[in-house]
């Protein structure tokens, strides 16, 4: 749906009806009840498979609470794909403002997916996700563009000139080889 600032994902009615349950999950997470939150989120995605934010939160808990990047990739990926399908049906409208509350779970799931893919050594796939998110919102309010060089170089120096290593973005120091 087009809003004054761009396109906004319209969530199905069952997703809207489960909003209160999702709020309870956020409270569980805030007080450290990750296991209970995971159970509730699993129930939510069974009830509302298109609830992008529930998939995002499952991915976040998988990575942060369980240290399971592969599982996080699956949850983030499912949420991201839900949003992708909606955008494809709408013929890939732009811009899709990342900071709009209805769109943010899609972007968060995409960021989580890209991070997991990079961590799993699937840099090309991670770059595809980031580039898609940047096409959706070229203004890049989430700073995703900065991830591109970081993922492409996998932490290696970008340029080396006669012993002088120019730093990557975000790294202030320069060193000389001896």
N, C-alpha and C. Protein backbone atom coordinates (compact mmCIF):
# COMPACT_ATOMS: atom_id res chain seq x y z
N UNK A 1 0.85 -1.17 0.00
CA UNK A 1 0.00 0.00 0.00
C UNK A 1 0.90 1.24 0.00
N UNK A 2 0.55 2.22 -0.77
CA UNK A 2 1.31 3.46 -0.87
C UNK A 2 0.90 4.38 0.27
N UNK A 3 1.93 4.91 0.97
CA UNK A 3 1.67 5.93 2.00
C UNK A 3 2.27 7.22 1.49
N UNK A 4 2.26 8.26 2.29
CA UNK A 4 2.82 9.53 1.87
C UNK A 4 4.31 9.48 1.66
N UNK A 5 5.01 8.56 2.32
CA UNK A 5 6.46 8.48 2.24
C UNK A 5 6.97 7.32 1.39
N UNK A 6 6.09 6.43 0.96
CA UNK A 6 6.51 5.26 0.19
C UNK A 6 5.51 4.14 0.40
N UNK A 7 5.96 2.94 0.15
CA UNK A 7 5.09 1.78 0.26
C UNK A 7 5.22 1.13 1.64
N UNK A 8 4.10 0.64 2.13
CA UNK A 8 4.04 0.05 3.46
C UNK A 8 3.48 -1.36 3.33
N UNK A 9 4.13 -2.30 3.98
CA UNK A 9 3.63 -3.67 3.99
C UNK A 9 2.33 -3.71 4.79
N UNK A 10 1.32 -4.33 4.21
CA UNK A 10 0.04 -4.49 4.90
C UNK A 10 0.01 -5.92 5.41
N UNK A 11 -0.07 -6.06 6.72
CA UNK A 11 -0.05 -7.37 7.34
C UNK A 11 -1.45 -7.97 7.37
N UNK A 12 -1.54 -9.29 7.17
CA UNK A 12 -2.85 -9.94 7.19
C UNK A 12 -3.55 -9.76 8.53
N UNK A 13 -4.86 -9.92 8.51
CA UNK A 13 -5.67 -9.71 9.71
C UNK A 13 -5.23 -10.59 10.87
N UNK A 14 -4.88 -11.88 10.60
CA UNK A 14 -4.49 -12.76 11.69
C UNK A 14 -3.22 -12.27 12.38
N UNK A 15 -2.36 -11.64 11.63
CA UNK A 15 -1.14 -11.07 12.21
C UNK A 15 -1.52 -9.91 13.14
N UNK A 16 -2.42 -9.07 12.69
CA UNK A 16 -2.85 -7.93 13.50
C UNK A 16 -3.56 -8.42 14.77
N UNK A 17 -4.32 -9.50 14.65
CA UNK A 17 -5.04 -10.04 15.81
C UNK A 17 -4.09 -10.63 16.86
N UNK A 18 -2.88 -11.00 16.45
CA UNK A 18 -1.91 -11.59 17.39
C UNK A 18 -0.93 -10.55 17.94
N UNK A 19 -1.17 -9.29 17.66
CA UNK A 19 -0.26 -8.23 18.10
C UNK A 19 -0.08 -8.21 19.62
N UNK A 20 -1.16 -8.45 20.35
CA UNK A 20 -1.08 -8.47 21.81
C UNK A 20 -0.19 -9.63 22.30
N UNK A 21 -0.31 -10.78 21.64
CA UNK A 21 0.54 -11.92 21.99
C UNK A 21 2.01 -11.60 21.74
N UNK A 22 2.27 -10.89 20.66
CA UNK A 22 3.65 -10.51 20.34
C UNK A 22 4.20 -9.56 21.39
N UNK A 23 3.37 -8.67 21.88
CA UNK A 23 3.79 -7.74 22.94
C UNK A 23 4.16 -8.52 24.20
N UNK A 24 3.39 -9.55 24.52
CA UNK A 24 3.71 -10.39 25.67
C UNK A 24 5.06 -11.09 25.48
N UNK A 25 5.34 -11.52 24.27
CA UNK A 25 6.63 -12.16 23.97
C UNK A 25 7.76 -11.17 24.20
N UNK A 26 7.59 -9.94 23.75
CA UNK A 26 8.63 -8.92 23.97
C UNK A 26 8.90 -8.73 25.46
N UNK A 27 7.84 -8.76 26.25
CA UNK A 27 8.00 -8.64 27.71
C UNK A 27 8.75 -9.84 28.28
N UNK A 28 8.45 -11.03 27.80
CA UNK A 28 9.15 -12.24 28.24
C UNK A 28 10.65 -12.12 27.94
N UNK A 29 10.96 -11.66 26.75
CA UNK A 29 12.36 -11.50 26.35
C UNK A 29 13.04 -10.48 27.24
N UNK A 30 12.35 -9.38 27.52
CA UNK A 30 12.92 -8.30 28.35
C UNK A 30 13.27 -8.77 29.76
N UNK A 31 12.50 -9.72 30.29
CA UNK A 31 12.78 -10.20 31.66
C UNK A 31 13.61 -11.48 31.65
N UNK A 32 14.13 -11.88 30.48
CA UNK A 32 15.03 -13.02 30.41
C UNK A 32 14.38 -14.38 30.30
N UNK A 33 13.13 -14.44 29.93
CA UNK A 33 12.43 -15.71 29.78
C UNK A 33 12.47 -16.17 28.33
N UNK A 34 13.68 -16.38 27.82
CA UNK A 34 13.86 -16.72 26.41
C UNK A 34 13.19 -18.03 26.04
N UNK A 35 13.30 -19.06 26.89
CA UNK A 35 12.70 -20.36 26.56
C UNK A 35 11.19 -20.26 26.42
N UNK A 36 10.55 -19.55 27.32
CA UNK A 36 9.09 -19.37 27.25
C UNK A 36 8.73 -18.55 26.02
N UNK A 37 9.54 -17.52 25.73
CA UNK A 37 9.30 -16.68 24.56
C UNK A 37 9.40 -17.51 23.28
N UNK A 38 10.39 -18.41 23.21
CA UNK A 38 10.54 -19.25 22.02
C UNK A 38 9.30 -20.12 21.82
N UNK A 39 8.81 -20.71 22.89
CA UNK A 39 7.61 -21.53 22.79
C UNK A 39 6.42 -20.71 22.28
N UNK A 40 6.26 -19.52 22.83
CA UNK A 40 5.15 -18.65 22.41
C UNK A 40 5.31 -18.22 20.95
N UNK A 41 6.54 -17.91 20.55
CA UNK A 41 6.80 -17.51 19.16
C UNK A 41 6.53 -18.67 18.19
N UNK A 42 6.91 -19.86 18.59
CA UNK A 42 6.61 -21.02 17.73
C UNK A 42 5.11 -21.18 17.55
N UNK A 43 4.36 -20.98 18.61
CA UNK A 43 2.91 -21.05 18.51
C UNK A 43 2.40 -19.95 17.57
N UNK A 44 2.97 -18.76 17.71
CA UNK A 44 2.53 -17.64 16.85
C UNK A 44 2.78 -17.92 15.38
N UNK A 45 3.96 -18.47 15.04
CA UNK A 45 4.24 -18.71 13.61
C UNK A 45 3.42 -19.88 13.07
N UNK A 46 3.00 -20.80 13.95
CA UNK A 46 2.07 -21.84 13.51
C UNK A 46 0.70 -21.23 13.24
N UNK A 47 0.28 -20.32 14.10
CA UNK A 47 -1.02 -19.66 13.98
C UNK A 47 -1.01 -18.64 12.84
N UNK A 48 0.08 -17.88 12.75
CA UNK A 48 0.20 -16.79 11.77
C UNK A 48 1.54 -16.93 11.04
N UNK A 49 1.64 -17.82 10.06
CA UNK A 49 2.93 -18.02 9.40
C UNK A 49 3.49 -16.77 8.71
N UNK A 50 2.63 -15.79 8.46
CA UNK A 50 3.09 -14.56 7.80
C UNK A 50 3.51 -13.48 8.79
N UNK A 51 3.61 -13.81 10.06
CA UNK A 51 4.01 -12.83 11.07
C UNK A 51 5.54 -12.67 11.03
N UNK A 52 5.99 -11.73 10.23
CA UNK A 52 7.41 -11.51 10.00
C UNK A 52 8.15 -11.25 11.30
N UNK A 53 7.57 -10.45 12.17
CA UNK A 53 8.26 -10.11 13.41
C UNK A 53 8.48 -11.32 14.31
N UNK A 54 7.56 -12.27 14.31
CA UNK A 54 7.76 -13.49 15.11
C UNK A 54 8.93 -14.30 14.57
N UNK A 55 9.06 -14.38 13.25
CA UNK A 55 10.20 -15.07 12.65
C UNK A 55 11.50 -14.34 13.00
N UNK A 56 11.45 -13.02 12.92
CA UNK A 56 12.63 -12.23 13.27
C UNK A 56 13.05 -12.49 14.72
N UNK A 57 12.09 -12.46 15.64
CA UNK A 57 12.42 -12.66 17.05
C UNK A 57 12.93 -14.08 17.31
N UNK A 58 12.39 -15.07 16.62
CA UNK A 58 12.91 -16.43 16.74
C UNK A 58 14.37 -16.50 16.28
N UNK A 59 14.65 -15.81 15.18
CA UNK A 59 16.04 -15.77 14.69
C UNK A 59 16.97 -15.08 15.66
N UNK A 60 16.52 -13.98 16.21
CA UNK A 60 17.32 -13.22 17.18
C UNK A 60 17.60 -14.06 18.42
N UNK A 61 16.59 -14.76 18.92
CA UNK A 61 16.79 -15.61 20.09
C UNK A 61 17.69 -16.80 19.76
N UNK A 62 17.56 -17.36 18.57
CA UNK A 62 18.42 -18.48 18.18
C UNK A 62 19.89 -18.07 18.21
N UNK A 63 20.17 -16.88 17.69
CA UNK A 63 21.56 -16.41 17.63
C UNK A 63 22.04 -15.94 18.99
N UNK A 64 21.25 -15.09 19.65
CA UNK A 64 21.71 -14.47 20.89
C UNK A 64 21.63 -15.39 22.10
N UNK A 65 20.58 -16.20 22.21
CA UNK A 65 20.41 -17.03 23.40
C UNK A 65 21.01 -18.42 23.25
N UNK A 66 20.95 -18.94 22.02
CA UNK A 66 21.42 -20.31 21.81
C UNK A 66 22.74 -20.38 21.06
N UNK A 67 23.17 -19.26 20.49
CA UNK A 67 24.41 -19.26 19.71
C UNK A 67 24.31 -20.10 18.44
N UNK A 68 23.11 -20.29 17.92
CA UNK A 68 22.88 -21.14 16.76
C UNK A 68 22.64 -20.28 15.52
N UNK A 69 23.72 -19.98 14.81
CA UNK A 69 23.64 -19.11 13.63
C UNK A 69 22.84 -19.77 12.51
N UNK A 70 23.00 -21.07 12.33
CA UNK A 70 22.26 -21.76 11.26
C UNK A 70 20.75 -21.71 11.52
N UNK A 71 20.35 -21.93 12.76
CA UNK A 71 18.93 -21.84 13.10
C UNK A 71 18.44 -20.40 12.93
N UNK A 72 19.24 -19.44 13.36
CA UNK A 72 18.89 -18.03 13.18
C UNK A 72 18.69 -17.72 11.71
N UNK A 73 19.58 -18.25 10.87
CA UNK A 73 19.45 -18.04 9.42
C UNK A 73 18.09 -18.52 8.93
N UNK A 74 17.66 -19.68 9.40
CA UNK A 74 16.38 -20.22 8.96
C UNK A 74 15.21 -19.33 9.36
N UNK A 75 15.21 -18.89 10.60
CA UNK A 75 14.10 -18.04 11.06
C UNK A 75 14.13 -16.67 10.38
N UNK A 76 15.30 -16.04 10.35
CA UNK A 76 15.40 -14.74 9.67
C UNK A 76 15.01 -14.89 8.20
N UNK A 77 15.49 -15.97 7.58
CA UNK A 77 15.22 -16.19 6.16
C UNK A 77 13.74 -16.36 5.87
N UNK A 78 13.04 -17.07 6.74
CA UNK A 78 11.60 -17.26 6.51
C UNK A 78 10.88 -15.92 6.59
N UNK A 79 11.19 -15.11 7.60
CA UNK A 79 10.56 -13.80 7.73
C UNK A 79 10.86 -12.90 6.54
N UNK A 80 12.12 -12.92 6.11
CA UNK A 80 12.54 -12.12 4.96
C UNK A 80 11.79 -12.56 3.70
N UNK A 81 11.64 -13.87 3.52
CA UNK A 81 10.95 -14.38 2.33
C UNK A 81 9.47 -14.00 2.32
N UNK A 82 8.85 -13.96 3.48
CA UNK A 82 7.45 -13.53 3.55
C UNK A 82 7.34 -12.11 2.98
N UNK A 83 8.20 -11.22 3.44
CA UNK A 83 8.19 -9.84 2.93
C UNK A 83 8.53 -9.76 1.46
N UNK A 84 9.49 -10.56 1.03
CA UNK A 84 9.89 -10.57 -0.37
C UNK A 84 8.72 -10.97 -1.28
N UNK A 85 7.96 -11.99 -0.85
CA UNK A 85 6.81 -12.43 -1.65
C UNK A 85 5.77 -11.32 -1.78
N UNK A 86 5.53 -10.61 -0.69
CA UNK A 86 4.56 -9.51 -0.72
C UNK A 86 5.04 -8.43 -1.69
N UNK A 87 6.31 -8.09 -1.62
CA UNK A 87 6.86 -7.06 -2.50
C UNK A 87 6.85 -7.51 -3.97
N UNK A 88 7.11 -8.78 -4.21
CA UNK A 88 7.08 -9.29 -5.59
C UNK A 88 5.66 -9.22 -6.16
N UNK A 89 4.66 -9.55 -5.32
CA UNK A 89 3.26 -9.45 -5.77
C UNK A 89 2.91 -8.02 -6.15
N UNK A 90 3.48 -7.07 -5.43
CA UNK A 90 3.22 -5.65 -5.70
C UNK A 90 4.14 -5.09 -6.78
N UNK A 91 4.90 -5.98 -7.45
CA UNK A 91 5.82 -5.60 -8.54
C UNK A 91 6.98 -4.74 -8.04
N UNK A 92 7.50 -5.05 -6.87
CA UNK A 92 8.70 -4.44 -6.28
C UNK A 92 8.62 -2.91 -6.21
N UNK A 93 7.66 -2.40 -5.46
CA UNK A 93 7.54 -0.94 -5.33
C UNK A 93 8.72 -0.36 -4.54
N UNK A 94 9.01 0.89 -4.82
CA UNK A 94 10.02 1.62 -4.03
C UNK A 94 9.54 3.05 -3.88
N UNK A 95 9.95 3.74 -2.86
CA UNK A 95 10.70 3.19 -1.73
C UNK A 95 9.78 2.47 -0.75
N UNK A 96 10.38 1.56 0.01
CA UNK A 96 9.72 0.87 1.11
C UNK A 96 10.48 1.33 2.35
N UNK A 97 10.00 2.37 3.02
CA UNK A 97 10.76 2.98 4.12
C UNK A 97 11.09 1.98 5.24
N UNK A 98 12.36 1.78 5.48
CA UNK A 98 12.82 0.81 6.48
C UNK A 98 12.37 1.17 7.88
N UNK A 99 12.22 2.44 8.16
CA UNK A 99 11.90 2.85 9.53
C UNK A 99 10.40 2.89 9.81
N UNK A 100 9.58 2.65 8.81
CA UNK A 100 8.13 2.61 9.05
C UNK A 100 7.84 1.37 9.90
N UNK A 101 7.05 1.50 10.96
CA UNK A 101 6.79 0.35 11.85
C UNK A 101 6.26 -0.90 11.14
N UNK A 102 5.50 -0.74 10.08
CA UNK A 102 4.97 -1.91 9.37
C UNK A 102 6.05 -2.59 8.53
N UNK A 103 7.08 -1.86 8.13
CA UNK A 103 8.14 -2.40 7.29
C UNK A 103 9.36 -2.88 8.08
N UNK A 104 9.53 -2.36 9.28
CA UNK A 104 10.75 -2.61 10.05
C UNK A 104 11.03 -4.10 10.30
N UNK A 105 10.03 -4.93 10.63
CA UNK A 105 10.34 -6.35 10.83
C UNK A 105 10.94 -7.02 9.59
N UNK A 106 10.48 -6.63 8.41
CA UNK A 106 11.05 -7.16 7.17
C UNK A 106 12.52 -6.80 7.06
N UNK A 107 12.83 -5.55 7.31
CA UNK A 107 14.23 -5.10 7.24
C UNK A 107 15.07 -5.75 8.34
N UNK A 108 14.52 -5.89 9.53
CA UNK A 108 15.25 -6.53 10.62
C UNK A 108 15.52 -8.00 10.30
N UNK A 109 14.53 -8.69 9.74
CA UNK A 109 14.73 -10.08 9.35
C UNK A 109 15.80 -10.17 8.25
N UNK A 110 15.76 -9.24 7.31
CA UNK A 110 16.77 -9.22 6.25
C UNK A 110 18.16 -8.95 6.78
N UNK A 111 18.28 -8.01 7.71
CA UNK A 111 19.60 -7.74 8.31
C UNK A 111 20.10 -8.96 9.06
N UNK A 112 19.22 -9.60 9.82
CA UNK A 112 19.62 -10.80 10.55
C UNK A 112 20.06 -11.90 9.60
N UNK A 113 19.31 -12.07 8.51
CA UNK A 113 19.65 -13.09 7.52
C UNK A 113 21.01 -12.78 6.90
N UNK A 114 21.23 -11.54 6.50
CA UNK A 114 22.52 -11.17 5.89
C UNK A 114 23.67 -11.43 6.86
N UNK A 115 23.49 -11.08 8.12
CA UNK A 115 24.54 -11.30 9.11
C UNK A 115 24.84 -12.79 9.24
N UNK A 116 23.78 -13.61 9.36
CA UNK A 116 23.97 -15.06 9.50
C UNK A 116 24.67 -15.63 8.28
N UNK A 117 24.23 -15.23 7.10
CA UNK A 117 24.86 -15.73 5.87
C UNK A 117 26.34 -15.38 5.83
N UNK A 118 26.68 -14.16 6.20
CA UNK A 118 28.09 -13.76 6.23
C UNK A 118 28.86 -14.60 7.24
N UNK A 119 28.28 -14.81 8.42
CA UNK A 119 28.93 -15.62 9.45
C UNK A 119 29.13 -17.06 9.00
N UNK A 120 28.23 -17.55 8.17
CA UNK A 120 28.32 -18.93 7.67
C UNK A 120 29.16 -19.04 6.40
N UNK A 121 29.81 -17.93 6.02
CA UNK A 121 30.69 -17.93 4.85
C UNK A 121 29.96 -17.84 3.52
N UNK A 122 28.70 -17.48 3.54
CA UNK A 122 27.90 -17.35 2.31
C UNK A 122 27.79 -15.86 1.96
N UNK A 123 28.95 -15.29 1.65
CA UNK A 123 29.03 -13.84 1.44
C UNK A 123 28.21 -13.37 0.24
N UNK A 124 28.22 -14.12 -0.86
CA UNK A 124 27.45 -13.68 -2.04
C UNK A 124 25.97 -13.61 -1.74
N UNK A 125 25.47 -14.59 -0.99
CA UNK A 125 24.05 -14.57 -0.62
C UNK A 125 23.76 -13.41 0.33
N UNK A 126 24.67 -13.15 1.26
CA UNK A 126 24.50 -12.03 2.19
C UNK A 126 24.43 -10.72 1.42
N UNK A 127 25.31 -10.57 0.43
CA UNK A 127 25.31 -9.35 -0.39
C UNK A 127 24.01 -9.20 -1.18
N UNK A 128 23.47 -10.30 -1.68
CA UNK A 128 22.19 -10.23 -2.41
C UNK A 128 21.08 -9.68 -1.51
N UNK A 129 21.04 -10.16 -0.27
CA UNK A 129 20.02 -9.69 0.66
C UNK A 129 20.20 -8.20 0.93
N UNK A 130 21.41 -7.78 1.22
CA UNK A 130 21.66 -6.36 1.51
C UNK A 130 21.33 -5.50 0.31
N UNK A 131 21.74 -5.92 -0.87
CA UNK A 131 21.46 -5.13 -2.07
C UNK A 131 19.95 -5.04 -2.32
N UNK A 132 19.22 -6.11 -2.02
CA UNK A 132 17.76 -6.05 -2.18
C UNK A 132 17.16 -5.05 -1.19
N UNK A 133 17.61 -5.10 0.06
CA UNK A 133 17.10 -4.16 1.05
C UNK A 133 17.42 -2.72 0.67
N UNK A 134 18.59 -2.51 0.10
CA UNK A 134 18.96 -1.15 -0.33
C UNK A 134 18.13 -0.69 -1.53
N UNK A 135 17.73 -1.62 -2.40
CA UNK A 135 16.83 -1.24 -3.50
C UNK A 135 15.46 -0.86 -2.94
N UNK A 136 15.05 -1.55 -1.87
CA UNK A 136 13.75 -1.24 -1.26
C UNK A 136 13.76 0.15 -0.63
N UNK A 137 14.85 0.48 0.06
CA UNK A 137 14.96 1.81 0.69
C UNK A 137 16.36 2.36 0.43
N UNK A 138 16.52 3.03 -0.74
CA UNK A 138 17.84 3.56 -1.11
C UNK A 138 18.41 4.60 -0.14
N UNK A 139 17.56 5.18 0.71
CA UNK A 139 18.07 6.18 1.66
C UNK A 139 18.93 5.53 2.75
N UNK A 140 18.84 4.22 2.91
CA UNK A 140 19.67 3.42 3.81
C UNK A 140 19.73 3.96 5.25
N UNK A 141 18.58 4.15 5.90
CA UNK A 141 18.61 4.66 7.26
C UNK A 141 19.20 3.67 8.28
N UNK A 142 19.32 2.41 7.90
CA UNK A 142 19.87 1.40 8.81
C UNK A 142 21.37 1.20 8.61
N UNK A 143 21.97 1.92 7.66
CA UNK A 143 23.41 1.84 7.44
C UNK A 143 23.88 0.52 6.85
N UNK A 144 23.05 -0.10 6.04
CA UNK A 144 23.40 -1.39 5.45
C UNK A 144 24.50 -1.28 4.40
N UNK A 145 24.60 -0.14 3.75
CA UNK A 145 25.62 0.04 2.72
C UNK A 145 27.02 -0.18 3.25
N UNK A 146 27.25 0.16 4.50
CA UNK A 146 28.56 -0.05 5.11
C UNK A 146 28.94 -1.51 5.26
N UNK A 147 27.96 -2.38 5.23
CA UNK A 147 28.26 -3.81 5.35
C UNK A 147 28.84 -4.40 4.07
N UNK A 148 28.59 -3.75 2.93
CA UNK A 148 28.98 -4.33 1.64
C UNK A 148 30.48 -4.56 1.57
N UNK A 149 31.30 -3.52 1.79
CA UNK A 149 32.76 -3.71 1.74
C UNK A 149 33.23 -4.67 2.81
N UNK A 150 32.64 -4.57 3.99
CA UNK A 150 33.03 -5.45 5.09
C UNK A 150 32.80 -6.92 4.73
N UNK A 151 31.67 -7.21 4.12
CA UNK A 151 31.38 -8.59 3.73
C UNK A 151 32.26 -9.02 2.55
N UNK A 152 32.43 -8.15 1.59
CA UNK A 152 33.26 -8.49 0.41
C UNK A 152 34.70 -8.80 0.80
N UNK A 153 35.22 -8.05 1.74
CA UNK A 153 36.63 -8.24 2.11
C UNK A 153 36.82 -9.25 3.24
N UNK A 154 35.74 -9.64 3.90
CA UNK A 154 35.79 -10.59 5.02
C UNK A 154 36.83 -10.18 6.06
N UNK A 155 36.95 -8.87 6.30
CA UNK A 155 37.84 -8.38 7.34
C UNK A 155 39.26 -8.11 6.87
N UNK A 156 39.59 -8.43 5.62
CA UNK A 156 40.94 -8.18 5.11
C UNK A 156 41.08 -6.70 4.77
N UNK A 157 42.31 -6.17 4.80
CA UNK A 157 42.50 -4.77 4.40
C UNK A 157 42.01 -4.54 2.98
N UNK A 158 41.43 -3.39 2.74
CA UNK A 158 40.89 -3.09 1.42
C UNK A 158 41.99 -2.75 0.43
N UNK A 159 42.95 -1.92 0.84
CA UNK A 159 44.02 -1.48 -0.04
C UNK A 159 45.34 -1.53 0.72
N UNK A 160 46.38 -2.02 0.07
CA UNK A 160 47.70 -2.03 0.67
C UNK A 160 48.66 -1.37 -0.31
N UNK A 161 49.35 -0.30 0.13
CA UNK A 161 50.26 0.44 -0.72
C UNK A 161 51.65 0.45 -0.10
N UNK A 162 52.56 -0.32 -0.63
CA UNK A 162 53.95 -0.29 -0.19
C UNK A 162 54.12 -0.32 1.32
N UNK A 163 53.48 -1.23 1.99
CA UNK A 163 53.63 -1.36 3.43
C UNK A 163 52.65 -0.52 4.22
N UNK A 164 51.97 0.40 3.56
CA UNK A 164 50.97 1.22 4.24
C UNK A 164 49.61 0.59 3.99
N UNK A 165 48.94 0.21 5.05
CA UNK A 165 47.62 -0.41 4.91
C UNK A 165 46.56 0.64 5.21
N UNK A 166 45.72 0.87 4.23
CA UNK A 166 44.63 1.81 4.45
C UNK A 166 43.51 1.07 5.16
N UNK A 167 42.95 1.69 6.19
CA UNK A 167 41.96 1.00 7.01
C UNK A 167 40.63 0.83 6.31
N UNK A 168 39.88 -0.17 6.79
CA UNK A 168 38.51 -0.36 6.35
C UNK A 168 37.65 0.72 7.00
N UNK A 169 36.46 0.89 6.48
CA UNK A 169 35.52 1.82 7.10
C UNK A 169 35.32 1.43 8.56
N UNK A 170 35.37 2.39 9.44
CA UNK A 170 35.15 2.13 10.85
C UNK A 170 36.42 1.80 11.61
N UNK A 171 37.56 1.67 10.91
CA UNK A 171 38.82 1.38 11.57
C UNK A 171 39.71 2.60 11.40
N UNK A 172 40.03 3.30 12.47
CA UNK A 172 40.72 4.58 12.40
C UNK A 172 42.24 4.47 12.26
N UNK A 173 42.80 3.33 12.57
CA UNK A 173 44.25 3.32 12.62
C UNK A 173 44.87 2.86 11.32
N UNK A 174 46.05 3.38 11.07
CA UNK A 174 46.82 2.99 9.91
C UNK A 174 48.14 2.42 10.43
N UNK A 175 48.65 1.37 9.80
CA UNK A 175 49.89 0.77 10.26
C UNK A 175 50.89 0.66 9.13
N UNK A 176 52.16 0.66 9.46
CA UNK A 176 53.24 0.46 8.50
C UNK A 176 53.84 -0.90 8.76
N UNK A 177 54.06 -1.66 7.68
CA UNK A 177 54.79 -2.92 7.83
C UNK A 177 56.25 -2.60 8.02
N UNK A 178 56.95 -3.36 8.81
CA UNK A 178 58.37 -3.08 9.03
C UNK A 178 59.19 -4.10 8.30
